[in-house]
Amino acid sequence: MFIIILLAALALVGLVATFVEIRRDGFRPVATDWTRVAEHDTLQNAESTIAYR
């Protein structure tokens, strides 16, 4: 019984630590800065090939 309680506590600590690290990692979705994107037309650069639908 002691081992089961110990494993449950360890799993809970690991779960909490994972969520804390995910919150602190600094990775967040950032909006695209369209002034820094190269202007190009995808149809102009397309190669002629067989298209399967």
N, C-alpha and C. Protein backbone atom coordinates (compact mmCIF):
# COMPACT_ATOMS: atom_id res chain seq x y z
N MET A 1 0.83 -1.20 0.00
CA MET A 1 0.00 0.00 0.00
C MET A 1 0.87 1.26 0.00
N PHE A 2 1.99 1.18 0.74
CA PHE A 2 2.90 2.32 0.81
C PHE A 2 3.47 2.66 -0.57
N ILE A 3 3.80 1.63 -1.34
CA ILE A 3 4.37 1.86 -2.68
C ILE A 3 3.35 2.51 -3.61
N ILE A 4 2.09 2.12 -3.50
CA ILE A 4 1.05 2.70 -4.35
C ILE A 4 0.86 4.18 -4.02
N ILE A 5 0.86 4.51 -2.74
CA ILE A 5 0.74 5.92 -2.34
C ILE A 5 1.96 6.70 -2.81
N LEU A 6 3.13 6.12 -2.68
CA LEU A 6 4.36 6.78 -3.13
C LEU A 6 4.34 7.01 -4.64
N LEU A 7 3.92 6.03 -5.41
CA LEU A 7 3.84 6.19 -6.86
C LEU A 7 2.80 7.22 -7.26
N ALA A 8 1.67 7.25 -6.57
CA ALA A 8 0.63 8.25 -6.86
C ALA A 8 1.14 9.66 -6.56
N ALA A 9 1.85 9.81 -5.44
CA ALA A 9 2.41 11.12 -5.09
C ALA A 9 3.47 11.54 -6.11
N LEU A 10 4.29 10.60 -6.54
CA LEU A 10 5.32 10.91 -7.54
C LEU A 10 4.69 11.30 -8.88
N ALA A 11 3.63 10.61 -9.26
CA ALA A 11 2.93 10.95 -10.51
C ALA A 11 2.30 12.34 -10.41
N LEU A 12 1.74 12.66 -9.27
CA LEU A 12 1.13 13.98 -9.08
C LEU A 12 2.19 15.08 -9.13
N VAL A 13 3.33 14.85 -8.50
CA VAL A 13 4.42 15.83 -8.54
C VAL A 13 4.91 16.00 -9.98
N GLY A 14 5.04 14.93 -10.71
CA GLY A 14 5.47 15.02 -12.11
C GLY A 14 4.47 15.76 -12.97
N LEU A 15 3.20 15.52 -12.74
CA LEU A 15 2.16 16.21 -13.51
C LEU A 15 2.16 17.71 -13.23
N VAL A 16 2.25 18.07 -11.97
CA VAL A 16 2.28 19.49 -11.61
C VAL A 16 3.53 20.15 -12.16
N ALA A 17 4.69 19.49 -12.04
CA ALA A 17 5.94 20.06 -12.55
C ALA A 17 5.88 20.24 -14.07
N THR A 18 5.24 19.32 -14.76
CA THR A 18 5.10 19.45 -16.21
C THR A 18 4.29 20.67 -16.59
N PHE A 19 3.17 20.88 -15.93
CA PHE A 19 2.34 22.05 -16.23
C PHE A 19 3.05 23.35 -15.86
N VAL A 20 3.81 23.36 -14.79
CA VAL A 20 4.56 24.56 -14.41
C VAL A 20 5.60 24.88 -15.48
N GLU A 21 6.32 23.88 -15.95
CA GLU A 21 7.34 24.11 -16.96
C GLU A 21 6.74 24.53 -18.30
N ILE A 22 5.60 23.99 -18.64
CA ILE A 22 4.93 24.40 -19.88
C ILE A 22 4.53 25.86 -19.80
N ARG A 23 4.08 26.30 -18.66
CA ARG A 23 3.69 27.71 -18.49
C ARG A 23 4.91 28.64 -18.54
N ARG A 24 6.08 28.16 -18.11
CA ARG A 24 7.27 29.01 -18.01
C ARG A 24 8.18 28.94 -19.21
N ASP A 25 7.91 28.10 -20.20
CA ASP A 25 8.89 27.88 -21.26
C ASP A 25 9.02 29.03 -22.24
N GLY A 26 8.09 29.97 -22.27
CA GLY A 26 8.22 31.15 -23.12
C GLY A 26 7.70 30.95 -24.53
N PHE A 27 7.24 29.77 -24.88
CA PHE A 27 6.71 29.54 -26.22
C PHE A 27 5.25 29.94 -26.25
N ARG A 28 4.93 30.93 -27.02
CA ARG A 28 3.56 31.39 -27.16
C ARG A 28 3.26 31.64 -28.64
N PRO A 29 2.03 31.44 -29.06
CA PRO A 29 1.68 31.78 -30.44
C PRO A 29 1.83 33.29 -30.66
N VAL A 30 2.48 33.65 -31.72
CA VAL A 30 2.72 35.05 -32.04
C VAL A 30 2.10 35.35 -33.40
N ALA A 31 1.43 36.46 -33.50
CA ALA A 31 0.82 36.85 -34.77
C ALA A 31 1.91 37.10 -35.81
N THR A 32 1.61 36.77 -37.06
CA THR A 32 2.56 36.95 -38.15
C THR A 32 2.73 38.43 -38.45
N ASP A 33 3.98 38.87 -38.54
CA ASP A 33 4.29 40.24 -38.94
C ASP A 33 4.40 40.24 -40.46
N TRP A 34 3.33 40.63 -41.12
CA TRP A 34 3.27 40.54 -42.57
C TRP A 34 4.23 41.50 -43.26
N THR A 35 4.77 42.49 -42.54
CA THR A 35 5.75 43.38 -43.16
C THR A 35 7.10 42.69 -43.33
N ARG A 36 7.32 41.57 -42.65
CA ARG A 36 8.59 40.85 -42.74
C ARG A 36 8.51 39.63 -43.65
N VAL A 37 7.35 39.34 -44.19
CA VAL A 37 7.18 38.19 -45.06
C VAL A 37 7.50 38.59 -46.49
N ALA A 38 8.30 37.78 -47.16
CA ALA A 38 8.67 38.07 -48.55
C ALA A 38 7.42 38.03 -49.42
N GLU A 39 7.31 39.01 -50.27
CA GLU A 39 6.15 39.06 -51.16
C GLU A 39 6.42 38.15 -52.35
N HIS A 40 5.52 37.20 -52.56
CA HIS A 40 5.64 36.32 -53.71
C HIS A 40 4.25 35.77 -54.04
N ASP A 41 4.10 35.44 -55.29
CA ASP A 41 2.85 34.88 -55.76
C ASP A 41 3.05 33.38 -55.92
N THR A 42 2.29 32.58 -55.20
CA THR A 42 2.48 31.14 -55.26
C THR A 42 2.13 30.57 -56.62
N LEU A 43 1.18 31.18 -57.31
CA LEU A 43 0.82 30.68 -58.64
C LEU A 43 1.91 30.99 -59.67
N GLN A 44 2.61 32.08 -59.48
CA GLN A 44 3.67 32.46 -60.41
C GLN A 44 4.85 31.47 -60.29
N ASN A 45 5.11 30.97 -59.10
CA ASN A 45 6.24 30.08 -58.89
C ASN A 45 5.87 28.61 -59.06
N ALA A 46 4.62 28.33 -59.35
CA ALA A 46 4.16 26.93 -59.45
C ALA A 46 4.72 26.30 -60.73
N GLU A 47 5.09 25.05 -60.61
CA GLU A 47 5.57 24.31 -61.76
C GLU A 47 4.39 23.56 -62.38
N SER A 48 4.42 23.40 -63.67
CA SER A 48 3.35 22.65 -64.32
C SER A 48 3.60 21.16 -64.11
N THR A 49 2.61 20.49 -63.61
CA THR A 49 2.72 19.07 -63.34
C THR A 49 1.33 18.47 -63.38
N ILE A 50 1.29 17.18 -63.26
CA ILE A 50 0.00 16.49 -63.24
C ILE A 50 -0.59 16.61 -61.84
N ALA A 51 -1.77 17.10 -61.74
CA ALA A 51 -2.42 17.24 -60.44
C ALA A 51 -3.47 16.14 -60.30
N TYR A 52 -3.35 15.40 -59.25
CA TYR A 52 -4.32 14.36 -58.97
C TYR A 52 -5.35 14.87 -57.97
N ARG A 53 -6.60 14.57 -58.23
CA ARG A 53 -7.65 15.01 -57.30
C ARG A 53 -8.30 13.81 -56.68
